[in-house]
Amino acid sequence: MLPEMTEEDRAAALARAGEARRIRAEIKQLLKTGSLRFTDVLERAEEDDLVAGTKIQAIIVSMPGMGKVATKRLMAEIGIADNRTLRGLGKNQRAELIVRFS
């Protein structure tokens, strides 16, 4: 059962969700233009829970030269599940992605 929320709680949750979407969209845009490196995103994910909760698939597809098909292929090759987030990457998966995007 869902907890009862006041209008103020609901408005605050809506604001937090909007902020999360804005931050994630900004990161993906910076990756796409090459203004942000993949390793920068990994470092930021260690400090910021919002970034850490971003799906790795969304990050990879935002990398220059990567489309949906290439992203799926790379994730399958490395053994990364479709629903994996930055926080959930294993040490070897992280290392392999760093090598690919360096």
Protein backbone atom coordinates (compact mmCIF):
# COMPACT_ATOMS: atom_id res chain seq x y z
CA MET A 1 0.00 0.00 0.00
CA LEU A 2 1.28 3.45 -0.87
CA PRO A 3 1.91 5.93 1.93
CA GLU A 4 -0.33 8.96 2.16
CA MET A 5 1.39 12.12 0.92
CA THR A 6 0.48 15.69 1.56
CA GLU A 7 0.34 18.14 -1.31
CA GLU A 8 3.64 19.62 -0.12
CA ASP A 9 5.31 16.19 -0.09
CA ARG A 10 3.96 15.48 -3.56
CA ALA A 11 5.20 18.84 -4.88
CA ALA A 12 8.66 18.26 -3.34
CA ALA A 13 8.86 14.78 -4.89
CA LEU A 14 7.84 16.20 -8.26
CA ALA A 15 10.55 18.87 -8.00
CA ARG A 16 13.20 16.26 -7.11
CA ALA A 17 12.15 14.07 -10.05
CA GLY A 18 12.32 17.04 -12.42
CA GLU A 19 15.78 17.93 -11.16
CA ALA A 20 16.93 14.33 -11.65
CA ARG A 21 15.68 14.31 -15.25
CA ARG A 22 17.38 17.64 -15.93
CA ILE A 23 20.73 16.47 -14.54
CA ARG A 24 20.63 13.18 -16.46
CA ALA A 25 19.69 14.94 -19.71
CA GLU A 26 22.53 17.43 -19.20
CA ILE A 27 25.05 14.62 -18.69
CA LYS A 28 23.87 12.78 -21.80
CA GLN A 29 24.07 15.97 -23.88
CA LEU A 30 27.60 16.73 -22.63
CA LEU A 31 28.68 13.18 -23.51
CA LYS A 32 27.14 13.46 -26.96
CA THR A 33 29.04 16.67 -27.72
CA GLY A 34 32.29 15.33 -26.28
CA SER A 35 32.41 17.96 -23.52
CA LEU A 36 32.34 15.25 -20.85
CA ARG A 37 34.37 12.04 -20.77
CA PHE A 38 33.05 8.65 -19.73
CA THR A 39 35.51 8.52 -16.84
CA ASP A 40 34.18 11.89 -15.61
CA VAL A 41 30.69 10.40 -15.44
CA LEU A 42 31.98 7.41 -13.45
CA GLU A 43 33.73 9.71 -11.00
CA ARG A 44 30.62 11.84 -10.62
CA ALA A 45 28.53 8.70 -10.01
CA GLU A 46 30.68 7.86 -6.98
CA GLU A 47 29.65 11.15 -5.33
CA ASP A 48 26.14 11.75 -6.70
CA ASP A 49 23.32 9.24 -6.17
CA LEU A 50 21.31 10.78 -9.01
CA VAL A 51 24.07 10.08 -11.49
CA ALA A 52 24.78 6.65 -9.97
CA GLY A 53 21.17 5.66 -10.61
CA THR A 54 21.38 6.43 -14.34
CA LYS A 55 21.00 3.44 -16.64
CA ILE A 56 24.31 2.50 -18.24
CA GLN A 57 22.54 1.91 -21.54
CA ALA A 58 21.46 5.58 -21.64
CA ILE A 59 25.05 6.67 -20.97
CA ILE A 60 26.63 4.40 -23.60
CA VAL A 61 24.13 5.36 -26.32
CA SER A 62 25.00 9.02 -25.61
CA MET A 63 28.66 8.44 -26.39
CA PRO A 64 29.84 9.81 -29.77
CA GLY A 65 29.60 7.15 -32.47
CA MET A 66 27.36 4.87 -30.43
CA GLY A 67 23.81 4.09 -31.52
CA LYS A 68 21.20 1.76 -30.10
CA VAL A 69 22.42 -1.31 -32.00
CA ALA A 70 26.11 -0.74 -31.21
CA THR A 71 25.20 -0.13 -27.56
CA LYS A 72 23.24 -3.39 -27.33
CA ARG A 73 26.10 -5.27 -28.98
CA LEU A 74 28.73 -3.77 -26.66
CA MET A 75 26.67 -4.45 -23.54
CA ALA A 76 26.11 -8.07 -24.60
CA GLU A 77 29.82 -8.49 -25.37
CA ILE A 78 30.84 -7.17 -21.94
CA GLY A 79 27.99 -8.94 -20.14
CA ILE A 80 26.04 -5.92 -18.89
CA ALA A 81 22.30 -6.40 -18.32
CA ASP A 82 19.90 -3.93 -20.00
CA ASN A 83 18.58 -2.66 -16.66
CA ARG A 84 22.00 -2.08 -15.05
CA THR A 85 22.79 1.35 -13.59
CA LEU A 86 26.17 3.04 -13.20
CA ARG A 87 26.08 2.09 -9.51
CA GLY A 88 25.58 -1.58 -10.40
CA LEU A 89 28.52 -1.99 -12.74
CA GLY A 90 31.06 -4.59 -11.72
CA LYS A 91 34.78 -3.84 -11.48
CA ASN A 92 35.60 -5.71 -14.70
CA GLN A 93 32.66 -4.18 -16.59
CA ARG A 94 33.73 -0.71 -15.49
CA ALA A 95 37.35 -1.39 -16.56
CA GLU A 96 36.26 -2.70 -19.97
CA LEU A 97 34.07 0.34 -20.61
CA ILE A 98 36.90 2.69 -19.62
CA VAL A 99 39.20 0.97 -22.12
CA ARG A 100 36.55 1.20 -24.87
CA PHE A 101 35.82 4.87 -24.32
CA SER A 102 39.34 6.18 -23.61
